Amino acid sequence: MRIERIEPSPHKKGRVLVFLEDGACLKITERELLDFSLASGDDLDPETLGRLKEAAGISNVRAKAAELISKQAMSRRELERKLRDKGASAEEAEEASAWLSSMGLMDDAQYAAALVRRYAEKGYGPARIRSKLYEKGVPRELWEDAMADLPEDAAQIDAYLSYKLLGQRPDERQRRRLTSALLRRGFPWEAIQSAWGRYGEERDG
């Protein structure tokens, strides 16, 4: 297959467009351009063309992966899912996430710990945080360590009730509403009931 012309991409820095005689356009990186010593007028045999396409596919998926994590932290599993949604094969997505991890640019354990801190600061309880870890694709074997420094349920619930009630005694409707809100936030029923007991004792004391 003959190369008709080679041009830098007008939209992506470091991207090169290789136009073939059959009208196809290969999007490669400068690395493939150098590795394969490509030039206009070259004839590519089927084997070389296949290797070029495979190498270009890997490089392009890596570039997309790096772009995605530069915008938002995420787990390896979530990154791989996003890459597949954008057309990468499962093998390409896994290779790209492994490549980023090997360079220290992705670490599921660090991501899990940061995720737990963020949702704890928002006042979420353990059940809701576990749900978020699952949703974000964090491996289950990392959950326990990530949640080891989670504040005690009692402290978080007490702070929530104090903030919402400002020292006032709630009526039954308020109590039900706040209990439901705490359950949605992921706190266990028993811990919520204990907190109501402490709140009542404080008001009576």
N, C-alpha and C. Protein backbone atom coordinates (compact mmCIF):
# COMPACT_ATOMS: atom_id res chain seq x y z
N MET A 1 0.85 -1.19 0.00
CA MET A 1 0.00 0.00 0.00
C MET A 1 0.89 1.25 0.00
N ARG A 2 0.66 2.12 -0.99
CA ARG A 2 1.51 3.29 -1.15
C ARG A 2 1.02 4.45 -0.29
N ILE A 3 1.97 5.17 0.32
CA ILE A 3 1.66 6.38 1.09
C ILE A 3 1.63 7.56 0.14
N GLU A 4 0.47 8.20 0.04
CA GLU A 4 0.32 9.35 -0.85
C GLU A 4 0.96 10.61 -0.25
N ARG A 5 0.68 10.86 1.01
CA ARG A 5 1.25 12.04 1.67
C ARG A 5 1.15 11.89 3.18
N ILE A 6 1.97 12.65 3.86
CA ILE A 6 1.98 12.66 5.33
C ILE A 6 1.88 14.11 5.79
N GLU A 7 0.94 14.37 6.72
CA GLU A 7 0.73 15.73 7.19
C GLU A 7 0.55 15.74 8.71
N PRO A 8 1.00 16.80 9.38
CA PRO A 8 0.69 16.93 10.81
C PRO A 8 -0.80 17.19 10.99
N SER A 9 -1.39 16.66 12.04
CA SER A 9 -2.81 16.88 12.31
C SER A 9 -3.04 18.35 12.65
N PRO A 10 -4.06 18.97 12.05
CA PRO A 10 -4.34 20.37 12.37
C PRO A 10 -5.04 20.54 13.72
N HIS A 11 -5.49 19.42 14.30
CA HIS A 11 -6.28 19.49 15.53
C HIS A 11 -5.57 18.93 16.76
N LYS A 12 -4.68 17.96 16.57
CA LYS A 12 -4.04 17.29 17.70
C LYS A 12 -2.53 17.43 17.62
N LYS A 13 -1.95 18.04 18.64
CA LYS A 13 -0.50 18.17 18.69
C LYS A 13 0.15 16.80 18.83
N GLY A 14 1.19 16.56 18.05
CA GLY A 14 1.88 15.28 18.11
C GLY A 14 1.23 14.19 17.29
N ARG A 15 0.08 14.47 16.68
CA ARG A 15 -0.63 13.51 15.84
C ARG A 15 -0.25 13.74 14.38
N VAL A 16 -0.08 12.66 13.65
CA VAL A 16 0.31 12.72 12.23
C VAL A 16 -0.72 11.96 11.41
N LEU A 17 -1.08 12.51 10.26
CA LEU A 17 -2.04 11.88 9.36
C LEU A 17 -1.30 11.27 8.18
N VAL A 18 -1.53 9.98 7.96
CA VAL A 18 -0.90 9.27 6.85
C VAL A 18 -1.99 8.89 5.85
N PHE A 19 -1.94 9.49 4.67
CA PHE A 19 -2.94 9.23 3.64
C PHE A 19 -2.45 8.15 2.69
N LEU A 20 -3.27 7.10 2.52
CA LEU A 20 -2.89 5.96 1.69
C LEU A 20 -3.57 6.05 0.33
N GLU A 21 -3.03 5.29 -0.62
CA GLU A 21 -3.52 5.36 -1.99
C GLU A 21 -4.97 4.89 -2.14
N ASP A 22 -5.46 4.09 -1.20
CA ASP A 22 -6.85 3.62 -1.30
C ASP A 22 -7.83 4.61 -0.67
N GLY A 23 -7.33 5.77 -0.25
CA GLY A 23 -8.19 6.79 0.33
C GLY A 23 -8.26 6.77 1.84
N ALA A 24 -7.68 5.73 2.45
CA ALA A 24 -7.70 5.63 3.92
C ALA A 24 -6.73 6.65 4.53
N CYS A 25 -7.04 7.03 5.77
CA CYS A 25 -6.17 7.94 6.51
C CYS A 25 -5.85 7.33 7.86
N LEU A 26 -4.57 7.08 8.10
CA LEU A 26 -4.14 6.55 9.39
C LEU A 26 -3.74 7.69 10.31
N LYS A 27 -4.26 7.65 11.55
CA LYS A 27 -3.88 8.64 12.55
C LYS A 27 -2.83 8.00 13.45
N ILE A 28 -1.60 8.48 13.31
CA ILE A 28 -0.51 7.92 14.09
C ILE A 28 0.14 9.02 14.93
N THR A 29 1.09 8.63 15.78
CA THR A 29 1.83 9.61 16.55
C THR A 29 3.22 9.79 15.93
N GLU A 30 3.93 10.79 16.40
CA GLU A 30 5.28 11.03 15.88
C GLU A 30 6.20 9.84 16.16
N ARG A 31 5.89 9.10 17.21
CA ARG A 31 6.72 7.93 17.54
C ARG A 31 6.64 6.90 16.43
N GLU A 32 5.42 6.58 15.94
CA GLU A 32 5.30 5.60 14.85
C GLU A 32 5.95 6.13 13.57
N LEU A 33 5.85 7.44 13.34
CA LEU A 33 6.47 8.03 12.16
C LEU A 33 7.97 7.75 12.14
N LEU A 34 8.60 7.89 13.33
CA LEU A 34 10.04 7.65 13.44
C LEU A 34 10.37 6.16 13.47
N ASP A 35 9.59 5.39 14.27
CA ASP A 35 9.88 3.97 14.40
C ASP A 35 9.79 3.23 13.08
N PHE A 36 8.84 3.63 12.24
CA PHE A 36 8.65 2.95 10.96
C PHE A 36 9.33 3.68 9.81
N SER A 37 10.01 4.80 10.11
CA SER A 37 10.72 5.59 9.08
C SER A 37 9.83 5.87 7.88
N LEU A 38 8.66 6.41 8.12
CA LEU A 38 7.68 6.61 7.07
C LEU A 38 7.97 7.88 6.27
N ALA A 39 7.69 7.82 4.98
CA ALA A 39 7.84 8.98 4.10
C ALA A 39 6.85 8.86 2.96
N SER A 40 6.46 9.99 2.42
CA SER A 40 5.56 9.98 1.27
C SER A 40 6.19 9.19 0.13
N GLY A 41 5.37 8.37 -0.52
CA GLY A 41 5.85 7.54 -1.61
C GLY A 41 6.26 6.15 -1.21
N ASP A 42 6.40 5.89 0.11
CA ASP A 42 6.75 4.54 0.57
C ASP A 42 5.66 3.55 0.23
N ASP A 43 6.08 2.33 -0.08
CA ASP A 43 5.14 1.23 -0.26
C ASP A 43 5.19 0.35 0.99
N LEU A 44 4.03 0.15 1.61
CA LEU A 44 3.94 -0.65 2.81
C LEU A 44 3.38 -2.03 2.47
N ASP A 45 4.14 -3.08 2.79
CA ASP A 45 3.61 -4.42 2.57
C ASP A 45 2.54 -4.70 3.63
N PRO A 46 1.68 -5.70 3.41
CA PRO A 46 0.58 -5.98 4.34
C PRO A 46 1.04 -6.18 5.78
N GLU A 47 2.18 -6.85 5.98
CA GLU A 47 2.65 -7.10 7.34
C GLU A 47 3.04 -5.80 8.03
N THR A 48 3.78 -4.95 7.33
CA THR A 48 4.19 -3.66 7.90
C THR A 48 2.99 -2.77 8.18
N LEU A 49 2.05 -2.77 7.24
CA LEU A 49 0.84 -1.96 7.44
C LEU A 49 0.07 -2.44 8.67
N GLY A 50 0.00 -3.75 8.84
CA GLY A 50 -0.69 -4.30 10.01
C GLY A 50 -0.01 -3.91 11.31
N ARG A 51 1.33 -3.97 11.34
CA ARG A 51 2.07 -3.60 12.54
C ARG A 51 1.93 -2.11 12.83
N LEU A 52 1.90 -1.30 11.75
CA LEU A 52 1.74 0.14 11.92
C LEU A 52 0.37 0.47 12.52
N LYS A 53 -0.66 -0.19 12.01
CA LYS A 53 -2.01 0.05 12.53
C LYS A 53 -2.11 -0.36 14.00
N GLU A 54 -1.50 -1.49 14.34
CA GLU A 54 -1.54 -1.96 15.73
C GLU A 54 -0.81 -0.98 16.66
N ALA A 55 0.37 -0.54 16.24
CA ALA A 55 1.15 0.40 17.05
C ALA A 55 0.42 1.73 17.19
N ALA A 56 -0.19 2.19 16.10
CA ALA A 56 -0.93 3.45 16.14
C ALA A 56 -2.13 3.34 17.07
N GLY A 57 -2.79 2.18 17.03
CA GLY A 57 -3.94 1.97 17.90
C GLY A 57 -3.55 2.07 19.36
N ILE A 58 -2.44 1.43 19.73
CA ILE A 58 -1.97 1.47 21.12
C ILE A 58 -1.63 2.90 21.53
N SER A 59 -0.88 3.60 20.68
CA SER A 59 -0.47 4.97 21.02
C SER A 59 -1.66 5.91 21.15
N ASN A 60 -2.64 5.75 20.26
CA ASN A 60 -3.80 6.64 20.31
C ASN A 60 -4.65 6.39 21.55
N VAL A 61 -4.77 5.13 21.95
CA VAL A 61 -5.54 4.82 23.16
C VAL A 61 -4.78 5.32 24.39
N ARG A 62 -3.45 5.19 24.39
CA ARG A 62 -2.66 5.73 25.50
C ARG A 62 -2.85 7.24 25.61
N ALA A 63 -2.84 7.92 24.48
CA ALA A 63 -3.01 9.37 24.49
C ALA A 63 -4.38 9.76 25.03
N LYS A 64 -5.39 9.02 24.62
CA LYS A 64 -6.74 9.30 25.11
C LYS A 64 -6.84 9.02 26.61
N ALA A 65 -6.20 7.95 27.06
CA ALA A 65 -6.20 7.61 28.49
C ALA A 65 -5.54 8.72 29.31
N ALA A 66 -4.39 9.21 28.84
CA ALA A 66 -3.68 10.28 29.54
C ALA A 66 -4.53 11.56 29.58
N GLU A 67 -5.23 11.82 28.49
CA GLU A 67 -6.10 13.00 28.43
C GLU A 67 -7.24 12.88 29.45
N LEU A 68 -7.82 11.69 29.55
CA LEU A 68 -8.95 11.48 30.45
C LEU A 68 -8.54 11.68 31.91
N ILE A 69 -7.42 11.07 32.32
CA ILE A 69 -7.04 11.18 33.74
C ILE A 69 -6.47 12.56 34.07
N SER A 70 -6.07 13.31 33.05
CA SER A 70 -5.61 14.68 33.32
C SER A 70 -6.78 15.59 33.68
N LYS A 71 -7.97 15.19 33.27
CA LYS A 71 -9.17 15.98 33.54
C LYS A 71 -9.87 15.56 34.81
N GLN A 72 -9.76 14.26 35.15
CA GLN A 72 -10.50 13.75 36.31
C GLN A 72 -9.84 12.48 36.82
N ALA A 73 -9.60 12.42 38.13
CA ALA A 73 -9.05 11.20 38.73
C ALA A 73 -10.08 10.08 38.63
N MET A 74 -9.62 8.86 38.42
CA MET A 74 -10.53 7.73 38.32
C MET A 74 -9.77 6.43 38.56
N SER A 75 -10.50 5.36 38.77
CA SER A 75 -9.88 4.06 38.96
C SER A 75 -9.50 3.47 37.60
N ARG A 76 -8.65 2.45 37.64
CA ARG A 76 -8.27 1.78 36.40
C ARG A 76 -9.49 1.20 35.70
N ARG A 77 -10.38 0.58 36.47
CA ARG A 77 -11.57 -0.03 35.87
C ARG A 77 -12.46 1.00 35.20
N GLU A 78 -12.62 2.15 35.85
CA GLU A 78 -13.44 3.21 35.26
C GLU A 78 -12.79 3.77 34.01
N LEU A 79 -11.47 3.95 34.03
CA LEU A 79 -10.76 4.43 32.85
C LEU A 79 -10.94 3.45 31.70
N GLU A 80 -10.77 2.17 31.97
CA GLU A 80 -10.90 1.17 30.91
C GLU A 80 -12.31 1.17 30.32
N ARG A 81 -13.31 1.37 31.18
CA ARG A 81 -14.69 1.43 30.67
C ARG A 81 -14.88 2.64 29.76
N LYS A 82 -14.34 3.79 30.17
CA LYS A 82 -14.48 5.00 29.34
C LYS A 82 -13.76 4.83 28.00
N LEU A 83 -12.60 4.18 28.02
CA LEU A 83 -11.87 3.96 26.77
C LEU A 83 -12.64 3.03 25.84
N ARG A 84 -13.24 1.98 26.41
CA ARG A 84 -14.04 1.08 25.57
C ARG A 84 -15.24 1.82 24.98
N ASP A 85 -15.84 2.71 25.78
CA ASP A 85 -16.97 3.49 25.28
C ASP A 85 -16.56 4.37 24.10
N LYS A 86 -15.27 4.74 24.07
CA LYS A 86 -14.77 5.59 22.99
C LYS A 86 -14.20 4.78 21.82
N GLY A 87 -14.41 3.46 21.85
CA GLY A 87 -14.03 2.65 20.70
C GLY A 87 -12.81 1.77 20.86
N ALA A 88 -12.11 1.86 22.00
CA ALA A 88 -10.93 1.01 22.21
C ALA A 88 -11.37 -0.42 22.49
N SER A 89 -10.52 -1.37 22.12
CA SER A 89 -10.80 -2.76 22.46
C SER A 89 -10.49 -2.97 23.94
N ALA A 90 -10.97 -4.07 24.50
CA ALA A 90 -10.70 -4.37 25.91
C ALA A 90 -9.20 -4.49 26.14
N GLU A 91 -8.49 -5.10 25.19
CA GLU A 91 -7.04 -5.28 25.32
C GLU A 91 -6.32 -3.94 25.27
N GLU A 92 -6.73 -3.06 24.37
CA GLU A 92 -6.10 -1.74 24.27
C GLU A 92 -6.34 -0.92 25.53
N ALA A 93 -7.56 -0.98 26.05
CA ALA A 93 -7.90 -0.23 27.26
C ALA A 93 -7.10 -0.73 28.46
N GLU A 94 -6.98 -2.04 28.59
CA GLU A 94 -6.22 -2.61 29.70
C GLU A 94 -4.74 -2.27 29.58
N GLU A 95 -4.21 -2.31 28.37
CA GLU A 95 -2.80 -1.97 28.16
C GLU A 95 -2.53 -0.52 28.53
N ALA A 96 -3.44 0.38 28.15
CA ALA A 96 -3.25 1.81 28.42
C ALA A 96 -3.28 2.09 29.92
N SER A 97 -4.21 1.46 30.64
CA SER A 97 -4.29 1.70 32.09
C SER A 97 -3.07 1.11 32.79
N ALA A 98 -2.59 -0.04 32.32
CA ALA A 98 -1.39 -0.63 32.90
C ALA A 98 -0.17 0.25 32.64
N TRP A 99 -0.12 0.84 31.46
CA TRP A 99 0.99 1.74 31.10
C TRP A 99 1.01 2.96 32.01
N LEU A 100 -0.15 3.57 32.25
CA LEU A 100 -0.22 4.72 33.15
C LEU A 100 0.16 4.34 34.57
N SER A 101 -0.29 3.16 35.01
CA SER A 101 0.04 2.70 36.36
C SER A 101 1.53 2.46 36.51
N SER A 102 2.16 1.92 35.46
CA SER A 102 3.59 1.64 35.53
C SER A 102 4.42 2.90 35.67
N MET A 103 3.87 4.03 35.22
CA MET A 103 4.56 5.31 35.34
C MET A 103 4.16 6.07 36.60
N GLY A 104 3.34 5.43 37.43
CA GLY A 104 2.92 6.08 38.67
C GLY A 104 1.85 7.13 38.50
N LEU A 105 1.19 7.14 37.35
CA LEU A 105 0.16 8.14 37.09
C LEU A 105 -1.23 7.68 37.51
N MET A 106 -1.36 6.40 37.85
CA MET A 106 -2.62 5.87 38.35
C MET A 106 -2.33 4.94 39.52
N ASP A 107 -3.12 5.07 40.58
CA ASP A 107 -2.95 4.21 41.75
C ASP A 107 -4.33 4.04 42.39
N ASP A 108 -4.90 2.87 42.26
CA ASP A 108 -6.26 2.64 42.76
C ASP A 108 -6.35 2.82 44.27
N ALA A 109 -5.30 2.46 45.00
CA ALA A 109 -5.33 2.60 46.46
C ALA A 109 -5.39 4.08 46.86
N GLN A 110 -4.57 4.90 46.22
CA GLN A 110 -4.58 6.33 46.51
C GLN A 110 -5.91 6.96 46.10
N TYR A 111 -6.41 6.52 44.95
CA TYR A 111 -7.69 7.06 44.47
C TYR A 111 -8.81 6.70 45.45
N ALA A 112 -8.81 5.44 45.94
CA ALA A 112 -9.84 5.00 46.89
C ALA A 112 -9.79 5.83 48.16
N ALA A 113 -8.60 6.07 48.69
CA ALA A 113 -8.46 6.86 49.91
C ALA A 113 -8.97 8.28 49.71
N ALA A 114 -8.65 8.87 48.56
CA ALA A 114 -9.10 10.23 48.27
C ALA A 114 -10.63 10.27 48.13
N LEU A 115 -11.18 9.24 47.52
CA LEU A 115 -12.64 9.17 47.33
C LEU A 115 -13.34 9.09 48.69
N VAL A 116 -12.81 8.26 49.58
CA VAL A 116 -13.40 8.13 50.91
C VAL A 116 -13.34 9.46 51.66
N ARG A 117 -12.19 10.13 51.59
CA ARG A 117 -12.07 11.43 52.27
C ARG A 117 -13.08 12.43 51.73
N ARG A 118 -13.22 12.46 50.42
CA ARG A 118 -14.12 13.44 49.81
C ARG A 118 -15.57 13.23 50.26
N TYR A 119 -16.03 11.99 50.25
CA TYR A 119 -17.43 11.74 50.61
C TYR A 119 -17.64 11.80 52.11
N ALA A 120 -16.61 11.50 52.89
CA ALA A 120 -16.73 11.68 54.34
C ALA A 120 -16.89 13.16 54.67
N GLU A 121 -16.14 14.01 53.97
CA GLU A 121 -16.23 15.45 54.20
C GLU A 121 -17.61 15.99 53.81
N LYS A 122 -18.28 15.30 52.91
CA LYS A 122 -19.64 15.69 52.52
C LYS A 122 -20.68 15.17 53.51
N GLY A 123 -20.22 14.40 54.50
CA GLY A 123 -21.14 13.90 55.51
C GLY A 123 -21.79 12.59 55.18
N TYR A 124 -21.19 11.80 54.30
CA TYR A 124 -21.76 10.51 53.94
C TYR A 124 -21.28 9.42 54.89
N GLY A 125 -22.13 8.43 55.10
CA GLY A 125 -21.81 7.32 55.97
C GLY A 125 -21.18 6.15 55.22
N PRO A 126 -20.81 5.09 55.95
CA PRO A 126 -20.08 3.98 55.34
C PRO A 126 -20.81 3.27 54.21
N ALA A 127 -22.12 3.07 54.34
CA ALA A 127 -22.84 2.35 53.28
C ALA A 127 -22.83 3.15 51.98
N ARG A 128 -23.05 4.46 52.09
CA ARG A 128 -23.05 5.31 50.88
C ARG A 128 -21.66 5.36 50.28
N ILE A 129 -20.63 5.39 51.10
CA ILE A 129 -19.27 5.45 50.60
C ILE A 129 -18.90 4.15 49.90
N ARG A 130 -19.31 3.02 50.48
CA ARG A 130 -19.06 1.73 49.80
C ARG A 130 -19.74 1.70 48.43
N SER A 131 -20.94 2.25 48.38
CA SER A 131 -21.66 2.31 47.11
C SER A 131 -20.89 3.14 46.08
N LYS A 132 -20.28 4.24 46.54
CA LYS A 132 -19.50 5.08 45.64
C LYS A 132 -18.23 4.36 45.16
N LEU A 133 -17.58 3.64 46.08
CA LEU A 133 -16.38 2.87 45.70
C LEU A 133 -16.73 1.84 44.63
N TYR A 134 -17.87 1.19 44.80
CA TYR A 134 -18.32 0.21 43.80
C TYR A 134 -18.63 0.90 42.48
N GLU A 135 -19.36 1.99 42.56
CA GLU A 135 -19.75 2.74 41.36
C GLU A 135 -18.53 3.21 40.57
N LYS A 136 -17.47 3.60 41.27
CA LYS A 136 -16.28 4.13 40.62
C LYS A 136 -15.29 3.04 40.21
N GLY A 137 -15.64 1.78 40.43
CA GLY A 137 -14.79 0.69 39.95
C GLY A 137 -13.57 0.41 40.80
N VAL A 138 -13.59 0.78 42.07
CA VAL A 138 -12.46 0.50 42.95
C VAL A 138 -12.52 -0.97 43.37
N PRO A 139 -11.44 -1.73 43.21
CA PRO A 139 -11.45 -3.14 43.62
C PRO A 139 -11.82 -3.31 45.08
N ARG A 140 -12.63 -4.32 45.38
CA ARG A 140 -13.13 -4.52 46.75
C ARG A 140 -12.01 -4.73 47.76
N GLU A 141 -10.90 -5.33 47.31
CA GLU A 141 -9.83 -5.61 48.27
C GLU A 141 -9.17 -4.33 48.80
N LEU A 142 -9.48 -3.19 48.18
CA LEU A 142 -8.90 -1.92 48.64
C LEU A 142 -9.84 -1.15 49.56
N TRP A 143 -11.08 -1.59 49.68
CA TRP A 143 -12.07 -0.82 50.43
C TRP A 143 -11.72 -0.69 51.91
N GLU A 144 -11.34 -1.79 52.53
CA GLU A 144 -11.12 -1.79 53.98
C GLU A 144 -10.03 -0.80 54.38
N ASP A 145 -8.90 -0.84 53.68
CA ASP A 145 -7.81 0.09 53.99
C ASP A 145 -8.22 1.53 53.73
N ALA A 146 -8.95 1.75 52.64
CA ALA A 146 -9.36 3.11 52.28
C ALA A 146 -10.29 3.70 53.34
N MET A 147 -11.11 2.84 53.96
CA MET A 147 -12.09 3.32 54.93
C MET A 147 -11.60 3.25 56.38
N ALA A 148 -10.34 2.87 56.55
CA ALA A 148 -9.81 2.70 57.91
C ALA A 148 -9.84 3.99 58.71
N ASP A 149 -9.64 5.13 58.06
CA ASP A 149 -9.60 6.41 58.77
C ASP A 149 -10.92 7.18 58.70
N LEU A 150 -11.99 6.47 58.32
CA LEU A 150 -13.30 7.12 58.24
C LEU A 150 -13.73 7.57 59.64
N PRO A 151 -14.23 8.79 59.79
CA PRO A 151 -14.68 9.25 61.11
C PRO A 151 -15.75 8.33 61.68
N GLU A 152 -15.86 8.29 63.00
CA GLU A 152 -16.88 7.47 63.66
C GLU A 152 -18.28 7.94 63.24
N ASP A 153 -19.19 6.96 63.07
CA ASP A 153 -20.57 7.30 62.71
C ASP A 153 -21.17 8.29 63.70
N ALA A 154 -20.95 8.03 64.99
CA ALA A 154 -21.56 8.86 66.03
C ALA A 154 -21.18 10.33 65.87
N ALA A 155 -19.91 10.60 65.61
CA ALA A 155 -19.44 11.98 65.49
C ALA A 155 -20.09 12.66 64.29
N GLN A 156 -20.17 11.95 63.17
CA GLN A 156 -20.74 12.55 61.96
C GLN A 156 -22.25 12.79 62.11
N ILE A 157 -22.94 11.80 62.70
CA ILE A 157 -24.39 11.96 62.87
C ILE A 157 -24.69 13.08 63.85
N ASP A 158 -23.96 13.14 64.97
CA ASP A 158 -24.17 14.20 65.96
C ASP A 158 -23.96 15.58 65.33
N ALA A 159 -22.92 15.69 64.51
CA ALA A 159 -22.63 16.97 63.86
C ALA A 159 -23.75 17.35 62.89
N TYR A 160 -24.28 16.37 62.19
CA TYR A 160 -25.36 16.62 61.23
C TYR A 160 -26.62 17.11 61.96
N LEU A 161 -27.00 16.41 63.05
CA LEU A 161 -28.20 16.80 63.78
C LEU A 161 -28.04 18.18 64.42
N SER A 162 -26.87 18.44 64.96
CA SER A 162 -26.63 19.75 65.58
C SER A 162 -26.74 20.87 64.55
N TYR A 163 -26.20 20.62 63.36
CA TYR A 163 -26.24 21.62 62.29
C TYR A 163 -27.67 21.87 61.82
N LYS A 164 -28.44 20.79 61.69
CA LYS A 164 -29.80 20.91 61.17
C LYS A 164 -30.79 21.48 62.19
N LEU A 165 -30.59 21.13 63.45
CA LEU A 165 -31.58 21.51 64.47
C LEU A 165 -31.19 22.74 65.28
N LEU A 166 -29.91 23.09 65.28
CA LEU A 166 -29.45 24.30 65.98
C LEU A 166 -29.90 24.32 67.45
N GLY A 167 -29.84 23.14 68.07
CA GLY A 167 -30.17 23.08 69.49
C GLY A 167 -31.65 22.97 69.80
N GLN A 168 -32.52 23.00 68.77
CA GLN A 168 -33.97 22.94 69.00
C GLN A 168 -34.43 21.49 69.12
N ARG A 169 -35.50 21.28 69.87
CA ARG A 169 -36.07 19.93 69.98
C ARG A 169 -36.95 19.68 68.75
N PRO A 170 -36.72 18.59 68.02
CA PRO A 170 -37.50 18.35 66.79
C PRO A 170 -38.88 17.77 67.10
N ASP A 171 -39.84 18.08 66.24
CA ASP A 171 -41.12 17.39 66.35
C ASP A 171 -41.00 16.05 65.61
N GLU A 172 -42.03 15.26 65.66
CA GLU A 172 -41.96 13.91 65.08
C GLU A 172 -41.71 13.94 63.58
N ARG A 173 -42.29 14.93 62.90
CA ARG A 173 -42.10 15.04 61.45
C ARG A 173 -40.64 15.34 61.12
N GLN A 174 -40.05 16.27 61.86
CA GLN A 174 -38.64 16.60 61.64
C GLN A 174 -37.74 15.39 61.93
N ARG A 175 -38.07 14.68 62.98
CA ARG A 175 -37.25 13.52 63.34
C ARG A 175 -37.28 12.46 62.24
N ARG A 176 -38.48 12.20 61.70
CA ARG A 176 -38.58 11.22 60.60
C ARG A 176 -37.81 11.69 59.38
N ARG A 177 -37.94 12.98 59.07
CA ARG A 177 -37.27 13.52 57.89
C ARG A 177 -35.75 13.43 58.02
N LEU A 178 -35.24 13.79 59.17
CA LEU A 178 -33.79 13.75 59.38
C LEU A 178 -33.28 12.31 59.46
N THR A 179 -34.07 11.43 60.04
CA THR A 179 -33.68 10.02 60.07
C THR A 179 -33.57 9.46 58.66
N SER A 180 -34.56 9.78 57.81
CA SER A 180 -34.53 9.32 56.42
C SER A 180 -33.32 9.88 55.68
N ALA A 181 -33.01 11.15 55.95
CA ALA A 181 -31.86 11.78 55.29
C ALA A 181 -30.57 11.08 55.70
N LEU A 182 -30.43 10.74 56.96
CA LEU A 182 -29.22 10.06 57.44
C LEU A 182 -29.12 8.65 56.86
N LEU A 183 -30.25 7.97 56.74
CA LEU A 183 -30.24 6.64 56.12
C LEU A 183 -29.79 6.73 54.67
N ARG A 184 -30.28 7.74 53.95
CA ARG A 184 -29.87 7.93 52.55
C ARG A 184 -28.39 8.25 52.45
N ARG A 185 -27.85 8.89 53.46
CA ARG A 185 -26.43 9.23 53.47
C ARG A 185 -25.55 8.02 53.79
N GLY A 186 -26.19 6.91 54.18
CA GLY A 186 -25.42 5.69 54.38
C GLY A 186 -25.09 5.33 55.81
N PHE A 187 -25.80 5.95 56.76
CA PHE A 187 -25.54 5.63 58.17
C PHE A 187 -26.49 4.52 58.62
N PRO A 188 -26.04 3.63 59.50
CA PRO A 188 -26.88 2.53 59.97
C PRO A 188 -27.97 3.01 60.92
N TRP A 189 -29.10 2.29 60.89
CA TRP A 189 -30.25 2.65 61.71
C TRP A 189 -29.90 2.73 63.19
N GLU A 190 -29.16 1.73 63.67
CA GLU A 190 -28.84 1.69 65.10
C GLU A 190 -28.04 2.92 65.53
N ALA A 191 -27.08 3.34 64.68
CA ALA A 191 -26.27 4.51 65.02
C ALA A 191 -27.12 5.78 65.03
N ILE A 192 -28.11 5.85 64.14
CA ILE A 192 -28.99 7.03 64.09
C ILE A 192 -29.85 7.09 65.34
N GLN A 193 -30.40 5.95 65.75
CA GLN A 193 -31.24 5.93 66.95
C GLN A 193 -30.43 6.29 68.20
N SER A 194 -29.21 5.80 68.25
CA SER A 194 -28.35 6.16 69.39
C SER A 194 -28.08 7.66 69.43
N ALA A 195 -27.91 8.24 68.25
CA ALA A 195 -27.66 9.68 68.17
C ALA A 195 -28.86 10.47 68.66
N TRP A 196 -30.07 10.01 68.32
CA TRP A 196 -31.27 10.70 68.82
C TRP A 196 -31.32 10.64 70.34
N GLY A 197 -30.90 9.49 70.89
CA GLY A 197 -30.87 9.37 72.35
C GLY A 197 -29.90 10.37 72.97
N ARG A 198 -28.74 10.51 72.38
CA ARG A 198 -27.76 11.47 72.89
C ARG A 198 -28.27 12.90 72.74
N TYR A 199 -28.92 13.18 71.62
CA TYR A 199 -29.43 14.52 71.39
C TYR A 199 -30.49 14.88 72.42
N GLY A 200 -31.37 13.91 72.75
CA GLY A 200 -32.40 14.15 73.74
C GLY A 200 -31.81 14.38 75.11
N GLU A 201 -30.77 13.62 75.43
CA GLU A 201 -30.13 13.78 76.74
C GLU A 201 -29.48 15.15 76.86
N GLU A 202 -28.88 15.62 75.76
CA GLU A 202 -28.25 16.94 75.78
C GLU A 202 -29.29 18.04 76.01
N ARG A 203 -30.45 17.88 75.34
CA ARG A 203 -31.48 18.92 75.49
C ARG A 203 -32.05 18.90 76.91
N ASP A 204 -32.22 17.69 77.46
CA ASP A 204 -32.79 17.58 78.81
C ASP A 204 -31.79 17.99 79.88
N GLY A 205 -30.48 17.78 79.53
CA GLY A 205 -29.44 18.12 80.51
C GLY A 205 -29.28 19.62 80.56
